[in-house]
Amino acid sequence: MVDALGLDPFFRGTPIGFNGSNATQRIGITPVMTEPRVATIFANHSSNYGEAVVQIFDKGAIDSSKILDGNVLASFENKVGIDMLPNDLR
């Protein structure tokens, strides 16, 4: 569906309104996934902390200099970092 819309998306599985962990707030980098199935797993886990959602962000709307390599689990979690806080992503 997303490909049909011509989007190149990032995904984030999270409780609704969650602006990231204390570590995310401290370093200002939001982890996002390149694979929707992985974000769905994160959202499923997040449902333990409130109503969960998979957010979709258009990669083209994010300044490419803010897109960072993922952490040590990046290859397993299809994860990259965005150099901004979750509430700043649109």
PDB file of N, CA and C in Angstrom:
ATOM      1  N   MET A   1       0.818  -1.202   0.000  1.00  0.00           N
ATOM      2  CA  MET A   1       0.000   0.000   0.000  1.00  0.00           C
ATOM      3  C   MET A   1       0.858   1.261   0.000  1.00  0.00           C
ATOM      4  N   VAL A   2       1.882   1.270   0.856  1.00  0.00           N
ATOM      5  CA  VAL A   2       2.739   2.453   0.933  1.00  0.00           C
ATOM      6  C   VAL A   2       3.473   2.653  -0.387  1.00  0.00           C
ATOM      7  N   ASP A   3       3.976   1.562  -0.973  1.00  0.00           N
ATOM      8  CA  ASP A   3       4.658   1.675  -2.264  1.00  0.00           C
ATOM      9  C   ASP A   3       3.719   2.224  -3.337  1.00  0.00           C
ATOM     10  N   ALA A   4       2.468   1.829  -3.283  1.00  0.00           N
ATOM     11  CA  ALA A   4       1.490   2.308  -4.262  1.00  0.00           C
ATOM     12  C   ALA A   4       1.275   3.818  -4.152  1.00  0.00           C
ATOM     13  N   LEU A   5       1.519   4.356  -2.959  1.00  0.00           N
ATOM     14  CA  LEU A   5       1.375   5.796  -2.752  1.00  0.00           C
ATOM     15  C   LEU A   5       2.640   6.566  -3.116  1.00  0.00           C
ATOM     16  N   GLY A   6       3.715   5.839  -3.442  1.00  0.00           N
ATOM     17  CA  GLY A   6       4.962   6.492  -3.820  1.00  0.00           C
ATOM     18  C   GLY A   6       5.752   7.036  -2.647  1.00  0.00           C
ATOM     19  N   LEU A   7       5.507   6.495  -1.454  1.00  0.00           N
ATOM     20  CA  LEU A   7       6.237   6.941  -0.268  1.00  0.00           C
ATOM     21  C   LEU A   7       7.470   6.080  -0.027  1.00  0.00           C
ATOM     22  N   ASP A   8       8.484   6.682   0.573  1.00  0.00           N
ATOM     23  CA  ASP A   8       9.671   5.961   1.028  1.00  0.00           C
ATOM     24  C   ASP A   8       9.689   6.157   2.542  1.00  0.00           C
ATOM     25  N   PRO A   9       9.010   5.264   3.278  1.00  0.00           N
ATOM     26  CA  PRO A   9       8.708   5.563   4.674  1.00  0.00           C
ATOM     27  C   PRO A   9       9.687   5.014   5.703  1.00  0.00           C
ATOM     28  N   PHE A  10       9.606   5.614   6.884  1.00  0.00           N
ATOM     29  CA  PHE A  10      10.145   5.073   8.123  1.00  0.00           C
ATOM     30  C   PHE A  10       8.936   4.763   8.996  1.00  0.00           C
ATOM     31  N   PHE A  11       9.100   3.837   9.945  1.00  0.00           N
ATOM     32  CA  PHE A  11       8.015   3.417  10.816  1.00  0.00           C
ATOM     33  C   PHE A  11       8.485   3.458  12.270  1.00  0.00           C
ATOM     34  N   ARG A  12       7.551   3.725  13.178  1.00  0.00           N
ATOM     35  CA  ARG A  12       7.861   3.742  14.608  1.00  0.00           C
ATOM     36  C   ARG A  12       6.696   3.133  15.356  1.00  0.00           C
ATOM     37  N   GLY A  13       6.950   2.010  16.039  1.00  0.00           N
ATOM     38  CA  GLY A  13       5.947   1.385  16.884  1.00  0.00           C
ATOM     39  C   GLY A  13       6.076   1.936  18.291  1.00  0.00           C
ATOM     40  N   THR A  14       4.991   2.520  18.827  1.00  0.00           N
ATOM     41  CA  THR A  14       5.080   3.249  20.089  1.00  0.00           C
ATOM     42  C   THR A  14       3.707   3.421  20.724  1.00  0.00           C
ATOM     43  N   PRO A  15       3.678   3.657  22.041  1.00  0.00           N
ATOM     44  CA  PRO A  15       2.401   4.074  22.617  1.00  0.00           C
ATOM     45  C   PRO A  15       2.027   5.472  22.109  1.00  0.00           C
ATOM     46  N   ILE A  16       0.771   5.733  21.946  1.00  0.00           N
ATOM     47  CA  ILE A  16       0.318   7.036  21.469  1.00  0.00           C
ATOM     48  C   ILE A  16       0.794   8.125  22.428  1.00  0.00           C
ATOM     49  N   GLY A  17       1.379   9.183  21.873  1.00  0.00           N
ATOM     50  CA  GLY A  17       1.821  10.331  22.657  1.00  0.00           C
ATOM     51  C   GLY A  17       3.142  10.162  23.380  1.00  0.00           C
ATOM     52  N   PHE A  18       3.800   9.017  23.226  1.00  0.00           N
ATOM     53  CA  PHE A  18       5.065   8.771  23.920  1.00  0.00           C
ATOM     54  C   PHE A  18       6.189   9.514  23.214  1.00  0.00           C
ATOM     55  N   ASN A  19       6.864  10.392  23.928  1.00  0.00           N
ATOM     56  CA  ASN A  19       7.944  11.194  23.334  1.00  0.00           C
ATOM     57  C   ASN A  19       9.319  10.593  23.593  1.00  0.00           C
ATOM     58  N   GLY A  20       9.382   9.280  23.713  1.00  0.00           N
ATOM     59  CA  GLY A  20      10.667   8.607  23.849  1.00  0.00           C
ATOM     60  C   GLY A  20      11.092   8.401  25.292  1.00  0.00           C
ATOM     61  N   SER A  21      12.039   7.518  25.443  1.00  0.00           N
ATOM     62  CA  SER A  21      12.589   7.194  26.760  1.00  0.00           C
ATOM     63  C   SER A  21      13.435   8.356  27.294  1.00  0.00           C
ATOM     64  N   ASN A  22      13.877   8.209  28.528  1.00  0.00           N
ATOM     65  CA  ASN A  22      14.793   9.209  29.083  1.00  0.00           C
ATOM     66  C   ASN A  22      16.054   9.322  28.232  1.00  0.00           C
ATOM     67  N   ALA A  23      16.551   8.185  27.740  1.00  0.00           N
ATOM     68  CA  ALA A  23      17.756   8.202  26.894  1.00  0.00           C
ATOM     69  C   ALA A  23      17.481   8.944  25.584  1.00  0.00           C
ATOM     70  N   THR A  24      16.323   8.703  24.981  1.00  0.00           N
ATOM     71  CA  THR A  24      15.961   9.407  23.747  1.00  0.00           C
ATOM     72  C   THR A  24      15.897  10.910  23.998  1.00  0.00           C
ATOM     73  N   GLN A  25      15.305  11.298  25.108  1.00  0.00           N
ATOM     74  CA  GLN A  25      15.216  12.720  25.448  1.00  0.00           C
ATOM     75  C   GLN A  25      16.602  13.331  25.651  1.00  0.00           C
ATOM     76  N   ARG A  26      17.498  12.566  26.276  1.00  0.00           N
ATOM     77  CA  ARG A  26      18.847  13.054  26.564  1.00  0.00           C
ATOM     78  C   ARG A  26      19.688  13.219  25.296  1.00  0.00           C
ATOM     79  N   ILE A  27      19.645  12.210  24.417  1.00  0.00           N
ATOM     80  CA  ILE A  27      20.504  12.274  23.228  1.00  0.00           C
ATOM     81  C   ILE A  27      19.812  12.911  22.028  1.00  0.00           C
ATOM     82  N   GLY A  28      18.481  12.986  22.047  1.00  0.00           N
ATOM     83  CA  GLY A  28      17.749  13.653  20.979  1.00  0.00           C
ATOM     84  C   GLY A  28      17.696  12.890  19.666  1.00  0.00           C
ATOM     85  N   ILE A  29      17.838  11.568  19.730  1.00  0.00           N
ATOM     86  CA  ILE A  29      17.788  10.740  18.521  1.00  0.00           C
ATOM     87  C   ILE A  29      16.640   9.745  18.665  1.00  0.00           C
ATOM     88  N   THR A  30      15.750   9.727  17.680  1.00  0.00           N
ATOM     89  CA  THR A  30      14.603   8.827  17.690  1.00  0.00           C
ATOM     90  C   THR A  30      14.881   7.620  16.805  1.00  0.00           C
ATOM     91  N   PRO A  31      14.782   6.409  17.369  1.00  0.00           N
ATOM     92  CA  PRO A  31      14.933   5.216  16.534  1.00  0.00           C
ATOM     93  C   PRO A  31      13.668   4.961  15.725  1.00  0.00           C
ATOM     94  N   VAL A  32      13.836   4.686  14.443  1.00  0.00           N
ATOM     95  CA  VAL A  32      12.727   4.324  13.558  1.00  0.00           C
ATOM     96  C   VAL A  32      13.147   3.108  12.740  1.00  0.00           C
ATOM     97  N   MET A  33      12.174   2.421  12.183  1.00  0.00           N
ATOM     98  CA  MET A  33      12.436   1.213  11.417  1.00  0.00           C
ATOM     99  C   MET A  33      12.178   1.450   9.938  1.00  0.00           C
ATOM    100  N   THR A  34      12.868   0.686   9.129  1.00  0.00           N
ATOM    101  CA  THR A  34      12.649   0.720   7.689  1.00  0.00           C
ATOM    102  C   THR A  34      11.679  -0.376   7.255  1.00  0.00           C
ATOM    103  N   GLU A  35      11.296  -1.222   8.178  1.00  0.00           N
ATOM    104  CA  GLU A  35      10.444  -2.375   7.894  1.00  0.00           C
ATOM    105  C   GLU A  35       9.187  -2.310   8.777  1.00  0.00           C
ATOM    106  N   PRO A  36       7.994  -2.232   8.172  1.00  0.00           N
ATOM    107  CA  PRO A  36       6.774  -2.083   8.968  1.00  0.00           C
ATOM    108  C   PRO A  36       6.489  -3.260   9.897  1.00  0.00           C
ATOM    109  N   ARG A  37       6.896  -4.462   9.518  1.00  0.00           N
ATOM    110  CA  ARG A  37       6.638  -5.615  10.393  1.00  0.00           C
ATOM    111  C   ARG A  37       7.393  -5.487  11.705  1.00  0.00           C
ATOM    112  N   VAL A  38       8.611  -4.955  11.648  1.00  0.00           N
ATOM    113  CA  VAL A  38       9.391  -4.770  12.872  1.00  0.00           C
ATOM    114  C   VAL A  38       8.743  -3.697  13.745  1.00  0.00           C
ATOM    115  N   ALA A  39       8.303  -2.612  13.140  1.00  0.00           N
ATOM    116  CA  ALA A  39       7.626  -1.557  13.898  1.00  0.00           C
ATOM    117  C   ALA A  39       6.341  -2.092  14.532  1.00  0.00           C
ATOM    118  N   THR A  40       5.672  -3.011  13.862  1.00  0.00           N
ATOM    119  CA  THR A  40       4.458  -3.615  14.415  1.00  0.00           C
ATOM    120  C   THR A  40       4.785  -4.435  15.657  1.00  0.00           C
ATOM    121  N   ILE A  41       5.908  -5.124  15.647  1.00  0.00           N
ATOM    122  CA  ILE A  41       6.344  -5.875  16.832  1.00  0.00           C
ATOM    123  C   ILE A  41       6.618  -4.917  17.985  1.00  0.00           C
ATOM    124  N   PHE A  42       7.291  -3.801  17.701  1.00  0.00           N
ATOM    125  CA  PHE A  42       7.548  -2.798  18.737  1.00  0.00           C
ATOM    126  C   PHE A  42       6.238  -2.215  19.253  1.00  0.00           C
ATOM    127  N   ALA A  43       5.287  -1.959  18.378  1.00  0.00           N
ATOM    128  CA  ALA A  43       3.988  -1.438  18.798  1.00  0.00           C
ATOM    129  C   ALA A  43       3.262  -2.451  19.677  1.00  0.00           C
ATOM    130  N   ASN A  44       3.340  -3.716  19.302  1.00  0.00           N
ATOM    131  CA  ASN A  44       2.697  -4.755  20.099  1.00  0.00           C
ATOM    132  C   ASN A  44       3.275  -4.769  21.512  1.00  0.00           C
ATOM    133  N   HIS A  45       4.575  -4.695  21.630  1.00  0.00           N
ATOM    134  CA  HIS A  45       5.220  -4.632  22.949  1.00  0.00           C
ATOM    135  C   HIS A  45       4.809  -3.345  23.673  1.00  0.00           C
ATOM    136  N   SER A  46       4.729  -2.250  22.950  1.00  0.00           N
ATOM    137  CA  SER A  46       4.380  -0.952  23.536  1.00  0.00           C
ATOM    138  C   SER A  46       2.967  -0.939  24.100  1.00  0.00           C
ATOM    139  N   SER A  47       2.125  -1.842  23.633  1.00  0.00           N
ATOM    140  CA  SER A  47       0.745  -1.863  24.125  1.00  0.00           C
ATOM    141  C   SER A  47       0.688  -2.200  25.609  1.00  0.00           C
ATOM    142  N   ASN A  48       1.798  -2.683  26.169  1.00  0.00           N
ATOM    143  CA  ASN A  48       1.875  -2.889  27.617  1.00  0.00           C
ATOM    144  C   ASN A  48       1.877  -1.568  28.372  1.00  0.00           C
ATOM    145  N   TYR A  49       2.131  -0.467  27.685  1.00  0.00           N
ATOM    146  CA  TYR A  49       2.295   0.848  28.320  1.00  0.00           C
ATOM    147  C   TYR A  49       1.248   1.863  27.868  1.00  0.00           C
ATOM    148  N   GLY A  50       0.270   1.421  27.145  1.00  0.00           N
ATOM    149  CA  GLY A  50      -0.778   2.312  26.657  1.00  0.00           C
ATOM    150  C   GLY A  50      -1.229   1.877  25.274  1.00  0.00           C
ATOM    151  N   GLU A  51      -2.156   2.623  24.707  1.00  0.00           N
ATOM    152  CA  GLU A  51      -2.641   2.311  23.367  1.00  0.00           C
ATOM    153  C   GLU A  51      -1.504   2.512  22.369  1.00  0.00           C
ATOM    154  N   ALA A  52      -1.230   1.496  21.584  1.00  0.00           N
ATOM    155  CA  ALA A  52      -0.076   1.518  20.680  1.00  0.00           C
ATOM    156  C   ALA A  52      -0.482   1.848  19.249  1.00  0.00           C
ATOM    157  N   VAL A  53       0.502   2.335  18.495  1.00  0.00           N
ATOM    158  CA  VAL A  53       0.283   2.726  17.108  1.00  0.00           C
ATOM    159  C   VAL A  53       1.585   2.520  16.331  1.00  0.00           C
ATOM    160  N   VAL A  54       1.465   2.302  15.039  1.00  0.00           N
ATOM    161  CA  VAL A  54       2.629   2.339  14.153  1.00  0.00           C
ATOM    162  C   VAL A  54       2.552   3.662  13.400  1.00  0.00           C
ATOM    163  N   GLN A  55       3.511   4.531  13.678  1.00  0.00           N
ATOM    164  CA  GLN A  55       3.577   5.821  12.988  1.00  0.00           C
ATOM    165  C   GLN A  55       4.327   5.645  11.678  1.00  0.00           C
ATOM    166  N   ILE A  56       3.946   6.398  10.664  1.00  0.00           N
ATOM    167  CA  ILE A  56       4.595   6.351   9.354  1.00  0.00           C
ATOM    168  C   ILE A  56       5.096   7.750   9.024  1.00  0.00           C
ATOM    169  N   PHE A  57       6.381   7.831   8.669  1.00  0.00           N
ATOM    170  CA  PHE A  57       7.006   9.101   8.314  1.00  0.00           C
ATOM    171  C   PHE A  57       7.598   8.986   6.917  1.00  0.00           C
ATOM    172  N   ASP A  58       7.366   9.978   6.084  1.00  0.00           N
ATOM    173  CA  ASP A  58       7.931  10.000   4.737  1.00  0.00           C
ATOM    174  C   ASP A  58       9.399  10.408   4.828  1.00  0.00           C
ATOM    175  N   LYS A  59      10.275   9.523   4.403  1.00  0.00           N
ATOM    176  CA  LYS A  59      11.713   9.792   4.444  1.00  0.00           C
ATOM    177  C   LYS A  59      12.061  11.069   3.688  1.00  0.00           C
ATOM    178  N   GLY A  60      11.358  11.348   2.609  1.00  0.00           N
ATOM    179  CA  GLY A  60      11.632  12.528   1.806  1.00  0.00           C
ATOM    180  C   GLY A  60      11.340  13.836   2.530  1.00  0.00           C
ATOM    181  N   ALA A  61      10.533  13.781   3.593  1.00  0.00           N
ATOM    182  CA  ALA A  61      10.197  14.989   4.350  1.00  0.00           C
ATOM    183  C   ALA A  61      11.189  15.262   5.477  1.00  0.00           C
ATOM    184  N   ILE A  62      12.174  14.366   5.640  1.00  0.00           N
ATOM    185  CA  ILE A  62      13.174  14.512   6.706  1.00  0.00           C
ATOM    186  C   ILE A  62      14.500  14.896   6.078  1.00  0.00           C
ATOM    187  N   ASP A  63      15.115  15.937   6.589  1.00  0.00           N
ATOM    188  CA  ASP A  63      16.434  16.377   6.121  1.00  0.00           C
ATOM    189  C   ASP A  63      17.397  15.192   6.190  1.00  0.00           C
ATOM    190  N   SER A  64      17.997  14.823   5.063  1.00  0.00           N
ATOM    191  CA  SER A  64      18.855  13.635   5.001  1.00  0.00           C
ATOM    192  C   SER A  64      20.045  13.707   5.962  1.00  0.00           C
ATOM    193  N   SER A  65      20.477  14.902   6.348  1.00  0.00           N
ATOM    194  CA  SER A  65      21.594  15.013   7.287  1.00  0.00           C
ATOM    195  C   SER A  65      21.173  14.589   8.694  1.00  0.00           C
ATOM    196  N   LYS A  66      19.877  14.460   8.927  1.00  0.00           N
ATOM    197  CA  LYS A  66      19.378  14.034  10.236  1.00  0.00           C
ATOM    198  C   LYS A  66      19.181  12.524  10.330  1.00  0.00           C
ATOM    199  N   ILE A  67      19.355  11.809   9.212  1.00  0.00           N
ATOM    200  CA  ILE A  67      19.200  10.357   9.194  1.00  0.00           C
ATOM    201  C   ILE A  67      20.548   9.721   9.509  1.00  0.00           C
ATOM    202  N   LEU A  68      20.587   8.964  10.605  1.00  0.00           N
ATOM    203  CA  LEU A  68      21.829   8.401  11.119  1.00  0.00           C
ATOM    204  C   LEU A  68      21.820   6.883  11.006  1.00  0.00           C
ATOM    205  N   ASP A  69      23.017   6.294  11.063  1.00  0.00           N
ATOM    206  CA  ASP A  69      23.108   4.840  11.121  1.00  0.00           C
ATOM    207  C   ASP A  69      22.420   4.350  12.387  1.00  0.00           C
ATOM    208  N   GLY A  70      21.939   3.137  12.354  1.00  0.00           N
ATOM    209  CA  GLY A  70      21.298   2.554  13.528  1.00  0.00           C
ATOM    210  C   GLY A  70      22.304   2.099  14.561  1.00  0.00           C
ATOM    211  N   ASN A  71      21.794   1.534  15.641  1.00  0.00           N
ATOM    212  CA  ASN A  71      22.658   1.040  16.709  1.00  0.00           C
ATOM    213  C   ASN A  71      23.181  -0.352  16.378  1.00  0.00           C
ATOM    214  N   VAL A  72      23.743  -1.046  17.368  1.00  0.00           N
ATOM    215  CA  VAL A  72      24.345  -2.360  17.118  1.00  0.00           C
ATOM    216  C   VAL A  72      23.321  -3.411  16.695  1.00  0.00           C
ATOM    217  N   LEU A  73      22.049  -3.163  16.951  1.00  0.00           N
ATOM    218  CA  LEU A  73      20.999  -4.091  16.538  1.00  0.00           C
ATOM    219  C   LEU A  73      20.334  -3.690  15.222  1.00  0.00           C
ATOM    220  N   ALA A  74      20.875  -2.689  14.562  1.00  0.00           N
ATOM    221  CA  ALA A  74      20.245  -2.129  13.364  1.00  0.00           C
ATOM    222  C   ALA A  74      19.956  -3.174  12.296  1.00  0.00           C
ATOM    223  N   SER A  75      20.885  -4.084  12.076  1.00  0.00           N
ATOM    224  CA  SER A  75      20.678  -5.064  11.010  1.00  0.00           C
ATOM    225  C   SER A  75      19.583  -6.070  11.364  1.00  0.00           C
ATOM    226  N   PHE A  76      19.346  -6.310  12.652  1.00  0.00           N
ATOM    227  CA  PHE A  76      18.292  -7.227  13.075  1.00  0.00           C
ATOM    228  C   PHE A  76      16.938  -6.534  13.166  1.00  0.00           C
ATOM    229  N   GLU A  77      16.950  -5.272  13.548  1.00  0.00           N
ATOM    230  CA  GLU A  77      15.713  -4.539  13.776  1.00  0.00           C
ATOM    231  C   GLU A  77      15.355  -3.596  12.622  1.00  0.00           C
ATOM    232  N   ASN A  78      16.159  -3.599  11.557  1.00  0.00           N
ATOM    233  CA  ASN A  78      15.922  -2.693  10.433  1.00  0.00           C
ATOM    234  C   ASN A  78      15.746  -1.259  10.948  1.00  0.00           C
ATOM    235  N   LYS A  79      16.702  -0.821  11.760  1.00  0.00           N
ATOM    236  CA  LYS A  79      16.575   0.430  12.494  1.00  0.00           C
ATOM    237  C   LYS A  79      17.602   1.456  12.045  1.00  0.00           C
ATOM    238  N   VAL A  80      17.166   2.715  11.992  1.00  0.00           N
ATOM    239  CA  VAL A  80      18.054   3.862  11.809  1.00  0.00           C
ATOM    240  C   VAL A  80      17.676   4.885  12.879  1.00  0.00           C
ATOM    241  N   GLY A  81      18.499   5.894  13.028  1.00  0.00           N
ATOM    242  CA  GLY A  81      18.203   6.961  13.970  1.00  0.00           C
ATOM    243  C   GLY A  81      17.874   8.241  13.230  1.00  0.00           C
ATOM    244  N   ILE A  82      16.990   9.024  13.802  1.00  0.00           N
ATOM    245  CA  ILE A  82      16.660  10.349  13.270  1.00  0.00           C
ATOM    246  C   ILE A  82      17.089  11.363  14.330  1.00  0.00           C
ATOM    247  N   ASP A  83      17.916  12.303  13.943  1.00  0.00           N
ATOM    248  CA  ASP A  83      18.463  13.286  14.871  1.00  0.00           C
ATOM    249  C   ASP A  83      17.422  14.350  15.218  1.00  0.00           C
ATOM    250  N   MET A  84      16.365  13.911  15.888  1.00  0.00           N
ATOM    251  CA  MET A  84      15.313  14.798  16.390  1.00  0.00           C
ATOM    252  C   MET A  84      14.457  14.003  17.365  1.00  0.00           C
ATOM    253  N   LEU A  85      13.724  14.698  18.209  1.00  0.00           N
ATOM    254  CA  LEU A  85      12.850  14.038  19.169  1.00  0.00           C
ATOM    255  C   LEU A  85      11.583  13.516  18.494  1.00  0.00           C
ATOM    256  N   PRO A  86      10.969  12.483  19.068  1.00  0.00           N
ATOM    257  CA  PRO A  86       9.769  11.903  18.452  1.00  0.00           C
ATOM    258  C   PRO A  86       8.669  12.924  18.150  1.00  0.00           C
ATOM    259  N   ASN A  87       8.404  13.841  19.067  1.00  0.00           N
ATOM    260  CA  ASN A  87       7.322  14.796  18.837  1.00  0.00           C
ATOM    261  C   ASN A  87       7.634  15.795  17.733  1.00  0.00           C
ATOM    262  N   ASP A  88       8.919  15.900  17.321  1.00  0.00           N
ATOM    263  CA  ASP A  88       9.294  16.791  16.233  1.00  0.00           C
ATOM    264  C   ASP A  88       9.167  16.146  14.860  1.00  0.00           C
ATOM    265  N   LEU A  89       9.005  14.823  14.842  1.00  0.00           N
ATOM    266  CA  LEU A  89       8.834  14.114  13.562  1.00  0.00           C
ATOM    267  C   LEU A  89       7.416  14.343  13.053  1.00  0.00           C
ATOM    268  N   ARG A  90       7.306  14.619  11.794  1.00  0.00           N
ATOM    269  CA  ARG A  90       5.987  14.822  11.174  1.00  0.00           C
ATOM    270  C   ARG A  90       5.936  14.075   9.866  1.00  0.00           C
TER     271      ARG A  90
END
